[in-house]
Amino acid sequence: MHSLLYRCRELGLLSDSSASRAYQRLHGLQGQPGFAPEPLAGYPGEQPALLSQAFALACDHGLTITELAHELAWSAAQVRRMLGVEEDRPALRLVSSSS
């Protein structure tokens, strides 16, 4: 909501006084149902279908996830997440031995 108000003021859709009143009203509603902050993890967003289709075609020509990550300047884990590819490496854990 804050970003929306800021952008409206920036575009001239709200006067400074109207934006100020809106910010005050929004502050007064803080903590009310529908106005409390929610974690972004609950909203996964859209999955880029064209990226996975393009990657599938490029795989036929030898492109790897690591190479794609390098080209996009992303981490390999982020590319896997965007492609919907599961991590294929085993999870390692530290085991201590008692003598």
N, C-alpha and C. Protein backbone atom coordinates (compact mmCIF):
# COMPACT_ATOMS: atom_id res chain seq x y z
N MET A 1 0.83 -1.19 0.00
CA MET A 1 0.00 0.00 0.00
C MET A 1 0.87 1.26 0.00
N HIS A 2 1.95 1.21 0.78
CA HIS A 2 2.83 2.38 0.83
C HIS A 2 3.42 2.66 -0.55
N SER A 3 3.82 1.61 -1.24
CA SER A 3 4.40 1.78 -2.57
C SER A 3 3.38 2.34 -3.55
N LEU A 4 2.15 1.87 -3.44
CA LEU A 4 1.08 2.36 -4.31
C LEU A 4 0.82 3.85 -4.07
N LEU A 5 0.75 4.24 -2.81
CA LEU A 5 0.55 5.65 -2.49
C LEU A 5 1.72 6.50 -2.99
N TYR A 6 2.92 6.01 -2.79
CA TYR A 6 4.11 6.74 -3.23
C TYR A 6 4.08 6.94 -4.75
N ARG A 7 3.75 5.87 -5.47
CA ARG A 7 3.72 5.95 -6.93
C ARG A 7 2.62 6.90 -7.41
N CYS A 8 1.45 6.86 -6.77
CA CYS A 8 0.37 7.78 -7.14
C CYS A 8 0.79 9.22 -6.93
N ARG A 9 1.48 9.49 -5.82
CA ARG A 9 1.96 10.85 -5.57
C ARG A 9 3.02 11.24 -6.58
N GLU A 10 3.88 10.28 -6.92
CA GLU A 10 4.95 10.54 -7.88
C GLU A 10 4.38 10.89 -9.26
N LEU A 11 3.28 10.22 -9.65
CA LEU A 11 2.66 10.47 -10.94
C LEU A 11 1.73 11.68 -10.94
N GLY A 12 1.54 12.27 -9.78
CA GLY A 12 0.68 13.44 -9.70
C GLY A 12 -0.79 13.09 -9.58
N LEU A 13 -1.11 11.84 -9.30
CA LEU A 13 -2.50 11.43 -9.13
C LEU A 13 -3.03 11.80 -7.76
N LEU A 14 -2.12 12.00 -6.80
CA LEU A 14 -2.49 12.44 -5.45
C LEU A 14 -1.69 13.68 -5.12
N SER A 15 -2.34 14.63 -4.45
CA SER A 15 -1.60 15.79 -3.96
C SER A 15 -0.81 15.38 -2.72
N ASP A 16 0.13 16.21 -2.32
CA ASP A 16 0.91 15.90 -1.12
C ASP A 16 0.01 15.80 0.11
N SER A 17 -0.99 16.66 0.21
CA SER A 17 -1.88 16.62 1.37
C SER A 17 -2.75 15.36 1.35
N SER A 18 -3.22 14.96 0.18
CA SER A 18 -4.03 13.73 0.07
C SER A 18 -3.18 12.51 0.40
N ALA A 19 -1.95 12.50 -0.08
CA ALA A 19 -1.05 11.38 0.22
C ALA A 19 -0.75 11.33 1.71
N SER A 20 -0.56 12.49 2.33
CA SER A 20 -0.29 12.54 3.76
C SER A 20 -1.47 11.97 4.56
N ARG A 21 -2.69 12.36 4.19
CA ARG A 21 -3.88 11.82 4.86
C ARG A 21 -4.00 10.31 4.64
N ALA A 22 -3.67 9.85 3.43
CA ALA A 22 -3.74 8.41 3.15
C ALA A 22 -2.71 7.64 3.97
N TYR A 23 -1.50 8.19 4.09
CA TYR A 23 -0.48 7.54 4.92
C TYR A 23 -0.92 7.49 6.39
N GLN A 24 -1.54 8.58 6.87
CA GLN A 24 -2.02 8.60 8.25
C GLN A 24 -3.12 7.56 8.46
N ARG A 25 -4.02 7.46 7.51
CA ARG A 25 -5.11 6.47 7.61
C ARG A 25 -4.55 5.05 7.56
N LEU A 26 -3.59 4.83 6.67
CA LEU A 26 -2.97 3.53 6.56
C LEU A 26 -2.25 3.16 7.85
N HIS A 27 -1.58 4.13 8.45
CA HIS A 27 -0.89 3.88 9.72
C HIS A 27 -1.91 3.51 10.81
N GLY A 28 -3.07 4.16 10.80
CA GLY A 28 -4.11 3.84 11.77
C GLY A 28 -4.69 2.45 11.60
N LEU A 29 -4.63 1.92 10.39
CA LEU A 29 -5.16 0.58 10.12
C LEU A 29 -4.13 -0.53 10.35
N GLN A 30 -2.91 -0.12 10.66
CA GLN A 30 -1.84 -1.10 10.83
C GLN A 30 -2.22 -2.14 11.88
N GLY A 31 -2.04 -3.40 11.54
CA GLY A 31 -2.37 -4.50 12.46
C GLY A 31 -3.78 -5.02 12.29
N GLN A 32 -4.64 -4.30 11.58
CA GLN A 32 -6.00 -4.76 11.34
C GLN A 32 -5.98 -5.88 10.30
N PRO A 33 -6.99 -6.77 10.32
CA PRO A 33 -7.03 -7.82 9.29
C PRO A 33 -7.02 -7.22 7.89
N GLY A 34 -6.17 -7.76 7.04
CA GLY A 34 -6.04 -7.27 5.68
C GLY A 34 -5.00 -6.19 5.53
N PHE A 35 -4.51 -5.64 6.65
CA PHE A 35 -3.51 -4.58 6.59
C PHE A 35 -2.21 -4.97 7.30
N ALA A 36 -2.21 -6.12 7.95
CA ALA A 36 -1.00 -6.58 8.64
C ALA A 36 0.00 -7.09 7.61
N PRO A 37 1.29 -6.85 7.85
CA PRO A 37 2.29 -7.34 6.90
C PRO A 37 2.26 -8.87 6.82
N GLU A 38 2.40 -9.39 5.62
CA GLU A 38 2.43 -10.83 5.40
C GLU A 38 3.73 -11.20 4.72
N PRO A 39 4.28 -12.37 5.06
CA PRO A 39 5.54 -12.77 4.43
C PRO A 39 5.35 -13.05 2.94
N LEU A 40 6.33 -12.66 2.15
CA LEU A 40 6.25 -12.87 0.70
C LEU A 40 6.34 -14.34 0.34
N ALA A 41 6.86 -15.17 1.23
CA ALA A 41 6.99 -16.60 0.95
C ALA A 41 5.63 -17.25 0.70
N GLY A 42 4.57 -16.66 1.21
CA GLY A 42 3.23 -17.20 1.00
C GLY A 42 2.68 -16.93 -0.38
N TYR A 43 3.39 -16.13 -1.17
CA TYR A 43 2.97 -15.78 -2.52
C TYR A 43 4.08 -16.13 -3.50
N PRO A 44 4.09 -17.35 -4.00
CA PRO A 44 5.20 -17.77 -4.84
C PRO A 44 5.29 -17.04 -6.18
N GLY A 45 4.23 -16.45 -6.64
CA GLY A 45 4.27 -15.73 -7.91
C GLY A 45 4.14 -16.66 -9.10
N GLU A 46 4.33 -16.10 -10.25
CA GLU A 46 4.19 -16.88 -11.48
C GLU A 46 5.47 -17.63 -11.79
N GLN A 47 5.34 -18.75 -12.43
CA GLN A 47 6.49 -19.51 -12.89
C GLN A 47 6.68 -19.23 -14.37
N PRO A 48 7.88 -18.85 -14.78
CA PRO A 48 8.12 -18.49 -16.18
C PRO A 48 8.11 -19.71 -17.10
N ALA A 49 7.01 -19.96 -17.74
CA ALA A 49 6.86 -21.14 -18.59
C ALA A 49 7.76 -21.07 -19.82
N LEU A 50 7.91 -19.89 -20.42
CA LEU A 50 8.73 -19.77 -21.62
C LEU A 50 10.20 -20.04 -21.33
N LEU A 51 10.66 -19.66 -20.14
CA LEU A 51 12.06 -19.92 -19.78
C LEU A 51 12.33 -21.41 -19.75
N SER A 52 11.43 -22.19 -19.17
CA SER A 52 11.66 -23.64 -19.11
C SER A 52 11.56 -24.27 -20.50
N GLN A 53 10.67 -23.76 -21.35
CA GLN A 53 10.58 -24.29 -22.72
C GLN A 53 11.83 -23.95 -23.52
N ALA A 54 12.31 -22.73 -23.36
CA ALA A 54 13.54 -22.33 -24.07
C ALA A 54 14.73 -23.12 -23.56
N PHE A 55 14.77 -23.36 -22.26
CA PHE A 55 15.88 -24.13 -21.71
C PHE A 55 15.83 -25.57 -22.21
N ALA A 56 14.63 -26.14 -22.31
CA ALA A 56 14.51 -27.51 -22.82
C ALA A 56 15.05 -27.61 -24.24
N LEU A 57 14.76 -26.61 -25.07
CA LEU A 57 15.30 -26.59 -26.43
C LEU A 57 16.82 -26.42 -26.43
N ALA A 58 17.31 -25.54 -25.57
CA ALA A 58 18.75 -25.28 -25.51
C ALA A 58 19.51 -26.48 -24.95
N CYS A 59 18.86 -27.27 -24.12
CA CYS A 59 19.52 -28.48 -23.58
C CYS A 59 19.88 -29.44 -24.71
N ASP A 60 19.08 -29.46 -25.75
CA ASP A 60 19.37 -30.33 -26.90
C ASP A 60 20.68 -29.93 -27.58
N HIS A 61 21.09 -28.70 -27.35
CA HIS A 61 22.34 -28.20 -27.94
C HIS A 61 23.45 -28.07 -26.91
N GLY A 62 23.26 -28.69 -25.75
CA GLY A 62 24.32 -28.78 -24.76
C GLY A 62 24.35 -27.72 -23.67
N LEU A 63 23.35 -26.85 -23.57
CA LEU A 63 23.34 -25.84 -22.52
C LEU A 63 23.08 -26.49 -21.18
N THR A 64 23.82 -26.07 -20.17
CA THR A 64 23.63 -26.60 -18.82
C THR A 64 23.05 -25.51 -17.93
N ILE A 65 22.54 -25.92 -16.79
CA ILE A 65 22.00 -24.96 -15.83
C ILE A 65 23.09 -24.00 -15.36
N THR A 66 24.28 -24.52 -15.16
CA THR A 66 25.40 -23.67 -14.73
C THR A 66 25.71 -22.60 -15.77
N GLU A 67 25.72 -22.97 -17.03
CA GLU A 67 25.99 -22.00 -18.10
C GLU A 67 24.88 -20.96 -18.19
N LEU A 68 23.63 -21.41 -18.07
CA LEU A 68 22.51 -20.48 -18.11
C LEU A 68 22.58 -19.51 -16.93
N ALA A 69 22.91 -20.02 -15.76
CA ALA A 69 23.05 -19.17 -14.57
C ALA A 69 24.12 -18.11 -14.80
N HIS A 70 25.22 -18.52 -15.41
CA HIS A 70 26.30 -17.57 -15.69
C HIS A 70 25.83 -16.49 -16.67
N GLU A 71 25.12 -16.89 -17.72
CA GLU A 71 24.63 -15.93 -18.71
C GLU A 71 23.63 -14.94 -18.11
N LEU A 72 22.79 -15.42 -17.20
CA LEU A 72 21.77 -14.57 -16.59
C LEU A 72 22.30 -13.81 -15.37
N ALA A 73 23.51 -14.15 -14.94
CA ALA A 73 24.11 -13.57 -13.72
C ALA A 73 23.25 -13.90 -12.50
N TRP A 74 22.73 -15.12 -12.49
CA TRP A 74 21.95 -15.63 -11.36
C TRP A 74 22.75 -16.77 -10.74
N SER A 75 22.32 -17.20 -9.56
CA SER A 75 22.92 -18.40 -8.97
C SER A 75 22.26 -19.62 -9.62
N ALA A 76 22.98 -20.72 -9.60
CA ALA A 76 22.42 -21.96 -10.17
C ALA A 76 21.16 -22.37 -9.42
N ALA A 77 21.13 -22.13 -8.11
CA ALA A 77 19.94 -22.48 -7.31
C ALA A 77 18.73 -21.66 -7.76
N GLN A 78 18.95 -20.38 -8.07
CA GLN A 78 17.85 -19.53 -8.52
C GLN A 78 17.34 -20.00 -9.89
N VAL A 79 18.25 -20.39 -10.78
CA VAL A 79 17.84 -20.89 -12.09
C VAL A 79 17.02 -22.17 -11.92
N ARG A 80 17.48 -23.05 -11.05
CA ARG A 80 16.73 -24.30 -10.80
C ARG A 80 15.32 -23.99 -10.29
N ARG A 81 15.23 -23.03 -9.38
CA ARG A 81 13.93 -22.65 -8.83
C ARG A 81 13.02 -22.10 -9.92
N MET A 82 13.55 -21.24 -10.79
CA MET A 82 12.75 -20.64 -11.86
C MET A 82 12.33 -21.67 -12.90
N LEU A 83 13.18 -22.68 -13.10
CA LEU A 83 12.85 -23.73 -14.06
C LEU A 83 11.98 -24.83 -13.45
N GLY A 84 11.84 -24.82 -12.13
CA GLY A 84 11.09 -25.87 -11.45
C GLY A 84 11.83 -27.19 -11.41
N VAL A 85 13.16 -27.10 -11.40
CA VAL A 85 14.00 -28.30 -11.39
C VAL A 85 14.42 -28.57 -9.94
N GLU A 86 14.24 -29.80 -9.52
CA GLU A 86 14.63 -30.19 -8.17
C GLU A 86 16.14 -30.29 -8.06
N GLU A 87 16.66 -29.96 -6.90
CA GLU A 87 18.09 -30.11 -6.61
C GLU A 87 18.42 -31.60 -6.62
N ASP A 88 19.41 -31.97 -7.43
CA ASP A 88 19.75 -33.40 -7.54
C ASP A 88 20.93 -33.80 -6.68
N ARG A 89 21.51 -32.85 -5.97
CA ARG A 89 22.63 -33.18 -5.11
C ARG A 89 22.12 -33.67 -3.77
N PRO A 90 22.83 -34.61 -3.14
CA PRO A 90 22.39 -35.10 -1.83
C PRO A 90 22.60 -34.03 -0.76
N ALA A 91 21.77 -34.05 0.25
CA ALA A 91 21.93 -33.15 1.38
C ALA A 91 22.99 -33.73 2.30
N LEU A 92 24.00 -32.95 2.58
CA LEU A 92 25.08 -33.41 3.44
C LEU A 92 24.84 -32.96 4.86
N ARG A 93 25.26 -33.78 5.80
CA ARG A 93 25.13 -33.40 7.20
C ARG A 93 26.39 -33.85 7.95
N LEU A 94 26.72 -33.12 8.97
CA LEU A 94 27.91 -33.41 9.76
C LEU A 94 27.55 -34.41 10.85
N VAL A 95 28.31 -35.48 10.89
CA VAL A 95 28.08 -36.52 11.89
C VAL A 95 29.35 -36.62 12.73
N SER A 96 29.20 -36.48 14.02
CA SER A 96 30.37 -36.59 14.89
C SER A 96 30.43 -38.00 15.44
N SER A 97 31.63 -38.50 15.53
CA SER A 97 31.79 -39.85 16.09
C SER A 97 32.32 -39.74 17.51
N SER A 98 31.77 -40.54 18.37
CA SER A 98 32.25 -40.54 19.75
C SER A 98 33.31 -41.61 19.90
N SER A 99 34.42 -41.25 20.54
CA SER A 99 35.54 -42.19 20.69
C SER A 99 35.42 -43.04 21.89
